[in-house]
Protein backbone atom coordinates (compact mmCIF):
# COMPACT_ATOMS: atom_id res chain seq x y z
CA MET A 1 -0.15 -0.16 -0.19
CA LYS A 2 2.91 2.34 0.63
CA ARG A 3 4.36 1.99 -2.66
CA TYR A 4 1.07 2.98 -4.28
CA SER A 5 0.83 6.13 -2.12
CA VAL A 6 4.01 7.35 -3.09
CA LEU A 7 3.39 6.59 -6.57
CA ILE A 8 0.19 8.40 -6.45
CA CYS A 9 1.85 11.54 -4.84
CA LEU A 10 4.78 11.43 -7.30
CA LEU A 11 2.27 11.28 -10.26
CA LEU A 12 0.25 14.36 -8.85
CA GLU A 13 3.52 16.39 -8.47
CA LEU A 14 4.08 15.89 -12.03
CA CYS A 15 0.76 17.01 -13.22
CA VAL A 16 0.66 20.21 -11.03
CA ASN A 17 4.18 21.04 -11.22
CA PRO A 18 5.59 21.14 -14.88
CA CYS A 19 9.06 22.23 -13.27
CA PHE A 20 9.53 19.10 -11.42
CA ALA A 21 12.82 18.40 -11.83
CA GLN A 22 14.46 22.27 -11.54
CA SER A 23 15.34 23.96 -8.31
CA ASP A 24 14.15 27.27 -7.63
CA ALA A 25 17.21 29.04 -6.44
CA SER A 26 15.03 32.26 -5.73
CA ALA A 27 13.27 30.60 -3.17
CA PRO A 28 13.91 31.66 0.32
CA ALA A 29 15.12 28.38 2.56
CA GLU A 30 12.42 27.47 5.13
CA THR A 31 14.17 24.25 5.57
CA ILE A 32 17.54 23.56 5.65
CA VAL A 33 19.34 20.09 5.19
CA GLN A 34 22.24 20.50 7.52
CA SER A 35 23.60 16.82 7.44
CA PHE A 36 23.49 14.29 4.42
CA THR A 37 25.26 10.99 4.99
CA LEU A 38 25.38 7.63 3.25
CA LEU A 39 26.17 4.32 5.07
CA ARG A 40 26.32 0.88 3.91
CA ALA A 41 23.47 -1.67 5.30
CA GLY A 42 24.29 -4.97 4.19
CA SER A 43 23.99 -5.04 0.38
CA SER A 44 21.88 -1.81 0.91
CA ALA A 45 22.58 1.80 0.96
CA LYS A 46 21.23 3.78 4.08
CA ILE A 47 20.63 7.34 3.45
CA LEU A 48 20.22 9.80 6.49
CA TRP A 49 19.79 13.42 6.36
CA GLN A 50 18.92 15.72 9.17
CA THR A 51 17.36 19.23 9.05
CA ALA A 52 18.29 22.36 11.33
CA ALA A 53 14.55 23.72 11.25
CA GLU A 54 11.36 22.99 9.36
CA LYS A 55 9.00 25.46 8.01
CA ASN A 56 6.34 25.02 5.42
CA ASN A 57 7.88 21.73 4.41
CA ASN A 58 6.03 18.97 2.19
CA TYR A 59 8.60 15.90 1.30
CA PHE A 60 11.53 15.34 0.38
CA GLU A 61 12.64 12.87 -2.73
CA VAL A 62 15.58 10.71 -2.42
CA GLN A 63 17.13 10.56 -5.90
CA ARG A 64 19.95 8.21 -7.54
CA SER A 65 22.01 8.19 -10.41
CA SER A 66 24.57 6.01 -11.98
CA ASP A 67 26.67 9.17 -13.72
CA GLY A 68 25.90 11.92 -11.26
CA GLU A 69 24.07 13.83 -13.74
CA HIS A 70 20.60 12.13 -14.47
CA PHE A 71 18.73 11.19 -11.29
CA THR A 72 15.45 9.26 -10.67
CA VAL A 73 13.23 9.22 -7.59
CA VAL A 74 13.69 6.21 -5.88
CA ALA A 75 11.88 7.22 -2.62
CA LEU A 76 9.25 10.00 -1.23
CA VAL A 77 9.61 10.62 2.28
CA PHE A 78 6.98 13.08 3.78
CA ALA A 79 8.22 15.80 6.08
CA ARG A 80 7.38 16.45 9.90
CA GLU A 81 4.81 19.14 10.26
CA ASN A 82 6.88 22.35 11.11
CA ALA A 83 9.74 21.24 13.03
CA PRO A 84 11.52 24.20 14.49
CA HIS A 85 14.33 22.44 15.96
CA GLY A 86 14.77 20.01 12.94
CA ALA A 87 14.42 16.24 12.33
CA ASP A 88 16.16 13.06 11.39
CA TYR A 89 15.08 11.31 8.44
CA VAL A 90 16.46 7.87 7.07
CA TYR A 91 15.82 5.58 4.23
CA ILE A 92 17.08 2.33 3.02
CA ASP A 93 17.41 1.50 -0.63
CA HIS A 94 17.25 -2.21 -0.94
CA THR A 95 17.47 -1.86 -4.73
CA VAL A 96 20.93 -0.31 -4.96
CA SER A 97 22.65 -3.76 -5.71
CA MET A 98 20.29 -3.84 -8.80
CA ALA A 99 21.75 -0.78 -10.41
CA GLY A 100 24.32 -2.57 -12.70
CA THR A 101 27.61 -0.46 -11.75
CA ASP A 102 29.86 -0.40 -8.72
CA SER A 103 28.79 2.87 -7.51
CA VAL A 104 26.02 5.14 -7.87
CA PHE A 105 25.20 8.96 -6.51
CA TYR A 106 22.48 10.09 -4.02
CA ARG A 107 20.89 13.63 -3.73
CA ILE A 108 17.72 14.95 -1.65
CA ARG A 109 15.36 17.24 -3.13
CA GLN A 110 13.30 19.31 -0.53
CA VAL A 111 10.00 20.48 -1.64
CA ASN A 112 8.25 22.75 0.33
CA MET A 113 4.17 23.53 0.06
CA GLU A 114 4.34 25.83 -2.61
CA GLY A 115 6.33 23.38 -4.71
CA LYS A 116 9.61 25.22 -4.77
CA SER A 117 12.75 23.17 -4.05
CA THR A 118 16.27 22.71 -3.37
CA PHE A 119 18.83 19.92 -3.66
CA THR A 120 21.46 18.74 -1.64
CA GLU A 121 25.04 17.87 -3.22
CA ALA A 122 25.41 14.63 -4.76
CA ARG A 123 27.22 11.92 -2.60
CA LYS A 124 28.78 9.11 -4.25
CA PHE A 125 28.23 5.53 -2.67
CA ARG A 126 30.26 2.18 -3.71
CA ILE A 127 27.86 -0.53 -3.98
CA PRO A 128 28.85 -3.53 -1.89
CA ASP A 129 30.28 -6.72 -3.71
CA THR A 130 27.55 -9.27 -3.06
CA LYS A 131 28.79 -11.78 -5.40
CA PRO A 132 29.73 -15.16 -3.60
CA SER A 133 33.50 -16.06 -3.72
CA LEU A 134 35.07 -19.10 -5.08
CA HIS A 135 37.49 -20.73 -3.08
């Protein structure tokens, strides 16, 4: 059921906001991502980020790329309602091992209630080798 909710939200955003993948640099930052970390979790990627404060925040997109330039959305994470002291977020990408490459890039897109967005810098993640070794 969760996957369908994410898909519906994503489709609604595409219909309502034709500038979906562009950032609005002129928008004031009401939510600031102060840290963004990638960790290995078995054969998955654990994406953690923390906000300093949140006002008028709607959701975050976790985006992945094999080349660091062309990103696709792998998850939609709904924001906490107005967190004046910030909040911690976590997403585990269990499909990263199917990316077909030895490393990928992640970034976070933060979207406010008006549809204005900002991006974190992209970070590289080396995919763990899950192939069994031959002895």
